[in-house]
Amino acid sequence: MIPLFIADPKVRPGGPSAWWLGRSLASLQESFLRKKSRLILRRGNAPDVLAAVVRETGAAAVLWDESFDPVQRKIDEAVHAKLTRAGIFCGAFNDSLLYDPRTVRNKQGTPFKVFTPFWNHCLSLEEPAAPVKFNGKLIAPSVWPRSEKLESLGFVSRAQWTEKIGRCWDPGEKGAKAVLQKFLRNRVADYSEGRDHPAKEGTSRLSPYLHFGEISARQVWHETRQHMIADRRPGIHRTGEAFLRQIVWREFAHHMLFHFPESVIRPLRKDFLKFQWRKDARLLRAWQKGETGYPIVDAGMRQLWATGWMHNRVRMIAASFLVKDLLQPWQEGAAWFMETLVDADLANNTFGWQWVAGCGADAAPYFRIFNPVLQGNKFDSEGDYVRRWIPELSRVPARFIHQPWEAPSEVLASAGVQLDKNYPAPIVDHAAGRKRALLAYHRMSEQRQK
């Protein structure tokens, strides 16, 4: 067996994703060496590179884990066409999802568009196959083909913030297993409630490992199931199932992207094609930099920039603020997340942004507009999350931490805060922004009815 990774220029991850991929490949190289094998690295157009390696080695078959996003699917199809014409056996298999998107359909034989029926249908199916542990030996070829240096692929140090990100993450299969075990040991029992509070370590933080295939959804599913049986703590079945429901939510996002690849740039609800966004580069930039004047939003955007990751509750708040308070197109937010997240997964990202914007499958209704102050008070009541990522607000009392503009001048002075000098005043009034967003939605609805 000849393990091969191809850096195809058609697949261009953002800085943090590229950093993760580089570290992940380095970890994979070490794993293969321990198995008396090695990972061959090449770059170029995947079908051409594979054809060349087949010629060099005399390989009779090429096998790969299938991808279901539009760009990767086109690459897979081109590889299959080129190699089968040359008489090479091609075998694609699904190990990235619990179920193949081509096989999961509703009673009408069409793709599911609502999550709860999808979840119930998945529960009715045969349990996902349990992972098989490999303890065997990899048979090496008599002569190894040429391999490029990992550094030459451009993944190792593309992002200027890699030093910070490196302190937060341990890419690779070993790191993935450790993260899952820590979550099952310490946090799954409190998952239902703890996952909504960004100052706590309440989420699994498995998303980048799942995205890069360092752990599979089937592994997570079965280990969680086994833990639910072995753990005697009260309520573990309820919280464990709440976590598994999120794994299937991820599954749903990938199924949606497979069946509706145009959703990457186009809303699934066609009436939103006429929505009147107000594109404004200044507002978009303030949001990207975490300078909106709304602490819970800014803390999330700064966490993203520093670590390549953002807590899920805060992702929803920040996304709602961009598309509703600021009336900026959801595609702009989705593009920024793809550029800055370590877990920049096209399916999850697209699905999440369309959900918040109200224009996707099973989306939140457009009139559900998160109030960043209320959300902050509810899920970060003491302001610990805000203080961690916005140190200039660290001495603001909890009563005002999510709305510093409401604090008396003497309180701000005592905390060392000068609005619009060392921390911005709000760039939009939330009540006015909400009213404007609803007006734009009603105008769109009126156009649809004409």
Protein backbone atom coordinates (compact mmCIF):
# COMPACT_ATOMS: atom_id res chain seq x y z
CA MET A 1 0.00 0.00 0.00
CA ILE A 2 1.24 3.46 -0.92
CA PRO A 3 -0.41 6.22 1.19
CA LEU A 4 -0.62 9.38 -0.92
CA PHE A 5 -1.74 12.95 -0.21
CA ILE A 6 -2.15 15.43 -3.06
CA ALA A 7 -2.30 19.18 -2.49
CA ASP A 8 -4.60 20.17 -5.35
CA PRO A 9 -4.61 23.95 -6.05
CA LYS A 10 -8.40 23.83 -6.51
CA VAL A 11 -8.69 23.21 -2.76
CA ARG A 12 -7.44 26.33 -0.98
CA PRO A 13 -8.02 26.33 2.79
CA GLY A 14 -7.88 29.56 4.78
CA GLY A 15 -4.89 30.34 6.99
CA PRO A 16 -5.90 28.46 10.17
CA SER A 17 -7.23 25.49 8.17
CA ALA A 18 -4.00 25.38 6.19
CA TRP A 19 -2.03 25.45 9.44
CA TRP A 20 -4.13 22.58 10.80
CA LEU A 21 -3.74 20.56 7.61
CA GLY A 22 0.04 20.96 7.76
CA ARG A 23 0.19 19.80 11.37
CA SER A 24 -2.23 16.98 10.64
CA LEU A 25 -0.13 15.72 7.75
CA ALA A 26 2.97 15.83 9.93
CA SER A 27 1.19 13.72 12.53
CA LEU A 28 0.03 11.30 9.83
CA GLN A 29 3.58 10.98 8.51
CA GLU A 30 4.74 9.93 11.97
CA SER A 31 1.92 7.40 12.26
CA PHE A 32 2.86 5.75 8.98
CA LEU A 33 6.52 5.63 9.95
CA ARG A 34 5.58 3.78 13.14
CA LYS A 35 3.80 1.25 10.90
CA LYS A 36 6.98 0.84 8.81
CA SER A 37 5.33 2.75 6.00
CA ARG A 38 5.42 6.36 4.81
CA LEU A 39 3.15 9.10 3.47
CA ILE A 40 3.93 10.27 -0.05
CA LEU A 41 3.24 13.96 -0.68
CA ARG A 42 2.63 15.48 -4.08
CA ARG A 43 1.03 18.67 -5.39
CA GLY A 44 -0.80 19.44 -8.60
CA ASN A 45 -3.97 18.52 -10.43
CA ALA A 46 -5.17 15.39 -8.58
CA PRO A 47 -6.17 13.26 -11.62
CA ASP A 48 -2.86 13.95 -13.37
CA VAL A 49 -0.78 13.37 -10.23
CA LEU A 50 -2.56 10.11 -9.46
CA ALA A 51 -2.14 8.90 -13.02
CA ALA A 52 1.58 9.67 -12.80
CA VAL A 53 2.00 7.81 -9.49
CA VAL A 54 0.10 4.83 -10.92
CA ARG A 55 2.51 4.73 -13.86
CA GLU A 56 5.54 5.06 -11.57
CA THR A 57 4.46 2.28 -9.22
CA GLY A 58 2.42 -0.07 -11.38
CA ALA A 59 -0.51 0.24 -8.97
CA ALA A 60 -3.62 -1.72 -9.92
CA ALA A 61 -6.12 0.11 -7.72
CA VAL A 62 -6.71 3.53 -6.19
CA LEU A 63 -8.87 3.86 -3.08
CA TRP A 64 -10.07 7.00 -1.30
CA ASP A 65 -12.48 8.30 1.31
CA GLU A 66 -15.27 10.01 -0.58
CA SER A 67 -16.06 13.68 -0.05
CA PHE A 68 -19.48 15.21 -0.54
CA ASP A 69 -18.72 18.90 -0.98
CA PRO A 70 -19.00 20.30 -4.54
CA VAL A 71 -15.32 21.05 -5.19
CA GLN A 72 -14.05 17.74 -3.84
CA ARG A 73 -16.77 15.82 -5.65
CA LYS A 74 -15.67 17.28 -8.98
CA ILE A 75 -12.09 16.24 -8.21
CA ASP A 76 -13.26 12.73 -7.26
CA GLU A 77 -15.28 12.43 -10.46
CA ALA A 78 -12.33 13.57 -12.59
CA VAL A 79 -10.02 11.08 -10.85
CA HIS A 80 -12.48 8.25 -11.37
CA ALA A 81 -12.95 9.07 -15.06
CA LYS A 82 -9.24 9.35 -15.82
CA LEU A 83 -8.16 6.22 -13.99
CA THR A 84 -10.99 3.96 -15.15
CA ARG A 85 -10.18 4.90 -18.76
CA ALA A 86 -6.68 3.64 -18.04
CA GLY A 87 -8.04 0.35 -16.67
CA ILE A 88 -7.30 1.14 -13.01
CA PHE A 89 -9.76 -0.02 -10.38
CA CYS A 90 -11.22 2.89 -8.38
CA GLY A 91 -12.84 2.37 -4.99
CA ALA A 92 -14.44 5.29 -3.15
CA PHE A 93 -15.92 4.68 0.29
CA ASN A 94 -17.76 6.80 2.84
CA ASP A 95 -16.05 7.21 6.19
CA SER A 96 -16.68 10.93 6.73
CA LEU A 97 -20.38 10.57 7.54
CA LEU A 98 -22.60 8.13 9.41
CA TYR A 99 -24.72 7.49 6.31
CA ASP A 100 -24.23 7.96 2.58
CA PRO A 101 -26.33 11.00 1.49
CA ARG A 102 -27.50 9.09 -1.60
CA THR A 103 -29.27 6.50 0.55
CA VAL A 104 -31.14 8.64 3.12
CA ARG A 105 -34.50 9.79 1.73
CA ASN A 106 -37.95 10.63 3.04
CA LYS A 107 -41.11 8.66 2.20
CA GLN A 108 -41.48 10.59 -1.06
CA GLY A 109 -37.97 9.55 -2.09
CA THR A 110 -36.62 13.10 -1.87
CA PRO A 111 -33.98 14.59 0.45
CA PHE A 112 -35.03 15.67 3.93
CA LYS A 113 -35.26 19.44 4.41
CA VAL A 114 -36.31 19.48 8.06
CA PHE A 115 -33.97 18.26 10.77
CA THR A 116 -36.29 16.53 13.25
CA PRO A 117 -37.72 14.06 10.69
CA PHE A 118 -34.14 13.50 9.47
CA TRP A 119 -33.00 12.77 13.04
CA ASN A 120 -35.89 10.38 13.65
CA HIS A 121 -35.25 8.62 10.34
CA CYS A 122 -31.56 8.15 11.18
CA LEU A 123 -32.53 6.64 14.55
CA SER A 124 -34.76 4.16 12.71
CA LEU A 125 -31.91 2.98 10.49
CA GLU A 126 -29.45 0.28 11.28
CA GLU A 127 -26.80 1.50 13.74
CA PRO A 128 -23.77 2.99 11.94
CA ALA A 129 -21.09 0.36 11.48
CA ALA A 130 -18.63 0.20 14.35
CA PRO A 131 -15.06 1.27 13.52
CA VAL A 132 -12.55 -1.50 12.94
CA LYS A 133 -9.29 -1.23 14.85
CA PHE A 134 -6.25 -1.80 12.68
CA ASN A 135 -3.43 -3.66 14.38
CA GLY A 136 -1.89 -5.22 11.34
CA LYS A 137 1.14 -4.42 9.22
CA LEU A 138 1.23 -2.22 6.14
CA ILE A 139 3.02 -3.91 3.26
CA ALA A 140 5.53 -1.50 1.76
CA PRO A 141 6.44 -1.46 -1.95
CA SER A 142 9.90 -2.60 -2.97
CA VAL A 143 10.65 0.92 -4.19
CA TRP A 144 8.96 4.03 -2.81
CA PRO A 145 7.91 6.75 -5.26
CA ARG A 146 9.27 10.26 -4.92
CA SER A 147 7.75 12.46 -2.22
CA GLU A 148 7.85 16.23 -1.82
CA LYS A 149 8.74 17.88 1.47
CA LEU A 150 5.78 18.86 3.63
CA GLU A 151 7.14 22.41 3.91
CA SER A 152 6.95 22.82 0.13
CA LEU A 153 3.15 22.38 0.15
CA GLY A 154 2.68 25.75 1.84
CA PHE A 155 0.61 24.56 4.80
CA VAL A 156 3.05 24.85 7.67
CA SER A 157 3.26 28.59 8.35
CA ARG A 158 0.76 30.40 6.14
CA ALA A 159 -1.07 32.26 8.90
CA GLN A 160 0.53 35.06 10.88
CA TRP A 161 -1.27 33.94 14.03
CA THR A 162 -0.14 30.29 13.98
CA GLU A 163 1.85 30.63 17.22
CA LYS A 164 -1.31 31.55 19.14
CA ILE A 165 -3.38 28.84 17.49
CA GLY A 166 -0.67 26.28 18.19
CA ARG A 167 -1.11 26.82 21.92
CA CYS A 168 -4.80 25.94 21.67
CA TRP A 169 -4.83 22.81 19.55
CA ASP A 170 -3.07 19.48 19.04
CA PRO A 171 -3.92 18.33 15.48
CA GLY A 172 -3.73 14.65 14.63
CA GLU A 173 -5.40 11.35 15.52
CA LYS A 174 -3.83 11.22 18.98
CA GLY A 175 -5.10 14.70 19.80
CA ALA A 176 -8.59 13.81 18.51
CA LYS A 177 -8.84 10.75 20.75
CA ALA A 178 -7.65 12.73 23.77
CA VAL A 179 -10.22 15.48 23.15
CA LEU A 180 -13.07 12.97 22.84
CA GLN A 181 -12.07 11.11 26.00
CA LYS A 182 -11.73 14.35 27.97
CA PHE A 183 -15.18 15.43 26.82
CA LEU A 184 -16.83 12.11 27.73
CA ARG A 185 -15.06 12.04 31.08
CA ASN A 186 -15.60 15.64 32.19
CA ARG A 187 -18.28 17.43 30.17
CA VAL A 188 -20.86 15.24 28.48
CA ALA A 189 -22.90 14.89 31.70
CA ASP A 190 -23.48 18.67 31.69
CA TYR A 191 -23.63 19.05 27.91
CA SER A 192 -27.28 20.06 27.52
CA GLU A 193 -26.81 23.21 29.57
CA GLY A 194 -23.04 23.73 29.60
CA ARG A 195 -22.66 23.93 25.82
CA ASP A 196 -24.47 27.30 25.74
CA HIS A 197 -22.09 29.13 28.09
CA PRO A 198 -18.95 30.31 26.27
CA ALA A 199 -16.92 30.96 29.44
CA LYS A 200 -17.18 27.25 30.31
CA GLU A 201 -15.55 24.30 28.58
CA GLY A 202 -18.93 22.81 27.79
CA THR A 203 -18.58 21.76 24.14
CA SER A 204 -16.64 18.85 22.69
CA ARG A 205 -14.27 20.95 20.50
CA LEU A 206 -14.17 18.00 18.09
CA SER A 207 -15.23 19.94 14.99
CA PRO A 208 -11.77 20.41 13.41
CA TYR A 209 -10.82 16.79 14.10
CA LEU A 210 -14.02 15.59 12.44
CA HIS A 211 -13.50 17.93 9.50
CA PHE A 212 -9.98 16.67 8.81
CA GLY A 213 -10.87 13.01 9.32
CA GLU A 214 -8.64 12.55 12.37
CA ILE A 215 -11.61 10.97 14.08
CA SER A 216 -14.74 9.71 12.35
CA ALA A 217 -18.36 10.39 13.16
CA ARG A 218 -18.75 6.64 13.65
CA GLN A 219 -16.00 6.61 16.27
CA VAL A 220 -17.63 9.48 18.12
CA TRP A 221 -21.05 7.85 17.86
CA HIS A 222 -20.00 4.45 19.18
CA GLU A 223 -17.69 5.69 21.94
CA THR A 224 -20.42 8.03 23.17
CA ARG A 225 -22.95 5.20 23.11
CA GLN A 226 -20.60 2.96 25.11
CA HIS A 227 -19.97 5.76 27.60
CA MET A 228 -23.73 6.30 28.05
CA ILE A 229 -24.05 2.61 29.00
CA ALA A 230 -21.07 2.54 31.36
CA ASP A 231 -21.56 5.92 33.07
CA ARG A 232 -23.89 5.69 36.08
CA ARG A 233 -24.42 9.44 36.58
CA PRO A 234 -28.06 10.59 36.56
CA GLY A 235 -29.25 12.08 33.28
CA ILE A 236 -26.29 10.79 31.26
CA HIS A 237 -28.57 9.27 28.62
CA ARG A 238 -30.38 12.58 28.11
CA THR A 239 -27.18 14.62 27.81
CA GLY A 240 -25.42 11.97 25.74
CA GLU A 241 -28.31 11.90 23.30
CA ALA A 242 -28.23 15.72 23.13
CA PHE A 243 -24.61 15.44 22.02
CA LEU A 244 -25.35 12.70 19.47
CA ARG A 245 -28.13 14.90 18.12
CA GLN A 246 -25.46 17.49 17.31
CA ILE A 247 -23.42 14.85 15.47
CA VAL A 248 -26.52 14.15 13.36
CA TRP A 249 -27.04 17.92 12.91
CA ARG A 250 -23.57 17.93 11.32
CA GLU A 251 -24.68 14.96 9.22
CA PHE A 252 -27.78 16.88 8.10
CA ALA A 253 -25.63 19.82 6.99
CA HIS A 254 -23.51 17.54 4.80
CA HIS A 255 -26.56 15.86 3.31
CA MET A 256 -28.02 19.28 2.47
CA LEU A 257 -24.81 20.41 0.76
CA PHE A 258 -24.65 17.18 -1.24
CA HIS A 259 -28.21 17.57 -2.54
CA PHE A 260 -28.11 21.38 -2.88
CA PRO A 261 -24.53 22.35 -3.80
CA GLU A 262 -25.70 25.76 -5.02
CA SER A 263 -26.46 26.65 -1.38
CA VAL A 264 -22.82 27.66 -0.92
CA ILE A 265 -23.61 31.00 -2.56
CA ARG A 266 -27.38 31.00 -3.14
CA PRO A 267 -30.16 30.93 -0.53
CA LEU A 268 -32.27 27.79 -0.52
CA ARG A 269 -35.36 29.94 -0.07
CA LYS A 270 -35.56 31.57 -3.49
CA ASP A 271 -37.46 34.62 -2.24
CA PHE A 272 -34.28 35.69 -0.43
CA LEU A 273 -32.67 36.29 -3.81
CA LYS A 274 -34.58 39.58 -3.73
CA PHE A 275 -33.63 40.51 -0.18
CA GLN A 276 -32.27 44.07 -0.03
CA TRP A 277 -28.94 43.82 1.73
CA ARG A 278 -27.00 47.02 2.44
CA LYS A 279 -23.41 46.12 1.65
CA ASP A 280 -21.04 48.32 3.62
CA ALA A 281 -17.32 47.56 3.75
CA ARG A 282 -16.85 49.69 6.87
CA LEU A 283 -19.46 47.80 8.87
CA LEU A 284 -18.18 44.43 7.65
CA ARG A 285 -14.64 45.34 8.67
CA ALA A 286 -15.73 46.46 12.14
CA TRP A 287 -17.47 43.11 12.61
CA GLN A 288 -14.45 41.15 11.36
CA LYS A 289 -12.10 42.97 13.73
CA GLY A 290 -14.36 42.69 16.77
CA GLU A 291 -15.00 46.41 16.96
CA THR A 292 -18.81 46.63 16.86
CA GLY A 293 -19.23 48.02 20.38
CA TYR A 294 -21.26 44.96 21.44
CA PRO A 295 -18.98 43.01 23.80
CA ILE A 296 -20.38 39.50 23.27
CA VAL A 297 -20.05 39.91 19.49
CA ASP A 298 -16.57 41.44 19.70
CA ALA A 299 -15.36 38.79 22.15
CA GLY A 300 -16.40 36.07 19.72
CA MET A 301 -14.73 37.69 16.74
CA ARG A 302 -11.51 38.18 18.74
CA GLN A 303 -11.59 34.59 19.97
CA LEU A 304 -11.92 33.55 16.32
CA TRP A 305 -8.91 35.63 15.28
CA ALA A 306 -6.75 34.42 18.16
CA THR A 307 -7.62 30.71 18.14
CA GLY A 308 -9.25 29.89 14.80
CA TRP A 309 -12.41 28.82 16.62
CA MET A 310 -15.50 30.40 18.16
CA HIS A 311 -17.98 29.03 20.65
CA ASN A 312 -21.15 27.88 18.86
CA ARG A 313 -23.57 30.05 20.87
CA VAL A 314 -21.45 33.09 20.09
CA ARG A 315 -21.24 32.10 16.40
CA MET A 316 -25.03 32.39 16.26
CA ILE A 317 -25.04 35.76 18.07
CA ALA A 318 -22.25 37.19 15.89
CA ALA A 319 -23.85 35.89 12.69
CA SER A 320 -27.26 37.28 13.60
CA PHE A 321 -25.68 40.65 14.34
CA LEU A 322 -24.01 40.80 10.94
CA VAL A 323 -26.99 39.79 8.80
CA LYS A 324 -29.75 41.46 10.79
CA ASP A 325 -28.42 44.36 12.87
CA LEU A 326 -26.00 45.38 10.10
CA LEU A 327 -27.94 43.98 7.09
CA GLN A 328 -24.76 42.58 5.53
CA PRO A 329 -25.08 39.55 3.19
CA TRP A 330 -24.71 36.20 4.91
CA GLN A 331 -22.28 35.15 2.18
CA GLU A 332 -19.79 37.75 3.49
CA GLY A 333 -19.91 36.26 6.96
CA ALA A 334 -19.65 32.73 5.61
CA ALA A 335 -16.59 33.68 3.57
CA TRP A 336 -14.89 35.24 6.61
CA PHE A 337 -15.52 32.15 8.71
CA MET A 338 -14.10 29.92 5.98
CA GLU A 339 -10.99 32.09 5.93
CA THR A 340 -10.45 32.19 9.70
CA LEU A 341 -11.76 28.94 11.24
CA VAL A 342 -9.63 25.85 11.88
CA ASP A 343 -12.87 23.87 11.46
CA ALA A 344 -13.77 25.63 8.21
CA ASP A 345 -16.14 22.92 7.05
CA LEU A 346 -18.05 24.02 3.95
CA ALA A 347 -21.22 22.07 4.78
CA ASN A 348 -21.48 23.14 8.42
CA ASN A 349 -20.55 26.72 7.65
CA THR A 350 -23.01 27.10 4.77
CA PHE A 351 -25.82 25.44 6.66
CA GLY A 352 -25.20 27.51 9.80
CA TRP A 353 -25.16 30.85 8.01
CA GLN A 354 -28.31 30.09 6.02
CA TRP A 355 -29.98 28.93 9.26
CA VAL A 356 -29.20 32.22 11.03
CA ALA A 357 -30.13 34.30 7.97
CA GLY A 358 -33.50 32.54 7.76
CA CYS A 359 -33.00 31.56 4.13
CA GLY A 360 -31.99 27.90 4.42
CA ALA A 361 -33.55 24.53 5.13
CA ASP A 362 -35.24 24.26 8.51
CA ALA A 363 -33.88 27.75 9.21
CA ALA A 364 -34.61 29.97 12.17
CA PRO A 365 -37.41 32.37 11.21
CA TYR A 366 -36.02 35.66 9.96
CA PHE A 367 -37.76 37.61 12.71
CA ARG A 368 -35.76 35.69 15.32
CA ILE A 369 -33.15 38.39 15.86
CA PHE A 370 -30.69 37.84 18.69
CA ASN A 371 -30.37 40.77 21.09
CA PRO A 372 -26.62 40.77 21.85
CA VAL A 373 -27.11 42.39 25.26
CA LEU A 374 -29.76 39.91 26.40
CA GLN A 375 -27.81 36.99 24.98
CA GLY A 376 -24.68 38.16 26.77
CA ASN A 377 -26.50 38.59 30.08
CA LYS A 378 -28.09 35.15 29.75
CA PHE A 379 -25.11 33.08 28.68
CA ASP A 380 -22.19 35.10 30.10
CA SER A 381 -23.86 36.65 33.13
CA GLU A 382 -20.64 37.45 35.00
CA GLY A 383 -18.85 38.62 31.87
CA ASP A 384 -15.99 36.11 32.19
CA TYR A 385 -15.97 35.33 28.47
CA VAL A 386 -15.99 39.01 27.49
CA ARG A 387 -13.21 39.86 29.95
CA ARG A 388 -11.02 37.08 28.58
CA TRP A 389 -11.17 38.32 24.99
CA ILE A 390 -11.64 42.05 25.55
CA PRO A 391 -9.14 42.94 28.28
CA GLU A 392 -9.93 46.65 27.96
CA LEU A 393 -13.30 45.85 29.57
CA SER A 394 -11.85 43.63 32.30
CA ARG A 395 -12.70 46.04 35.14
CA VAL A 396 -16.25 46.84 34.03
CA PRO A 397 -18.81 45.53 36.57
CA ALA A 398 -20.93 42.56 35.47
CA ARG A 399 -24.04 44.77 35.49
CA PHE A 400 -22.64 46.81 32.58
CA ILE A 401 -20.23 44.36 30.93
CA HIS A 402 -22.59 43.69 28.00
CA GLN A 403 -23.70 47.29 27.59
CA PRO A 404 -20.83 49.55 28.70
CA TRP A 405 -22.47 52.55 27.02
CA GLU A 406 -25.14 52.40 29.74
CA ALA A 407 -22.60 52.64 32.57
CA PRO A 408 -22.28 55.97 34.41
CA SER A 409 -19.24 57.98 33.40
CA GLU A 410 -17.61 57.48 36.80
CA VAL A 411 -17.95 53.69 36.45
CA LEU A 412 -16.30 53.77 33.03
CA ALA A 413 -13.57 56.07 34.31
CA SER A 414 -12.89 53.75 37.24
CA ALA A 415 -12.68 50.79 34.81
CA GLY A 416 -10.33 52.70 32.50
CA VAL A 417 -12.79 52.62 29.60
CA GLN A 418 -13.15 55.50 27.16
CA LEU A 419 -15.81 54.77 24.59
CA ASP A 420 -14.67 55.37 21.02
CA LYS A 421 -11.09 55.64 22.26
CA ASN A 422 -10.00 52.33 23.79
CA TYR A 423 -13.30 50.53 23.11
CA PRO A 424 -15.86 51.49 20.43
CA ALA A 425 -19.35 52.76 21.09
CA PRO A 426 -22.03 50.63 19.36
CA ILE A 427 -21.83 51.01 15.57
CA VAL A 428 -25.60 50.53 15.36
CA ASP A 429 -28.50 50.80 17.77
CA HIS A 430 -29.88 47.27 18.15
CA ALA A 431 -33.53 48.36 18.37
CA ALA A 432 -33.17 50.45 15.20
CA GLY A 433 -31.23 47.67 13.47
CA ARG A 434 -33.91 45.13 14.35
CA LYS A 435 -36.66 47.42 13.03
CA ARG A 436 -34.75 47.99 9.79
CA ALA A 437 -34.16 44.24 9.31
CA LEU A 438 -37.83 43.41 9.80
CA LEU A 439 -38.82 46.14 7.36
CA ALA A 440 -36.46 44.67 4.74
CA TYR A 441 -37.95 41.23 5.36
CA HIS A 442 -41.52 42.52 4.96
CA ARG A 443 -40.58 44.27 1.72
CA MET A 444 -39.16 41.03 0.40
CA SER A 445 -42.34 39.20 1.40
CA GLU A 446 -44.48 41.78 -0.38
CA GLN A 447 -42.44 41.35 -3.57
CA ARG A 448 -42.96 37.58 -3.37
CA GLN A 449 -46.72 38.02 -3.18
CA LYS A 450 -46.89 40.28 -6.25
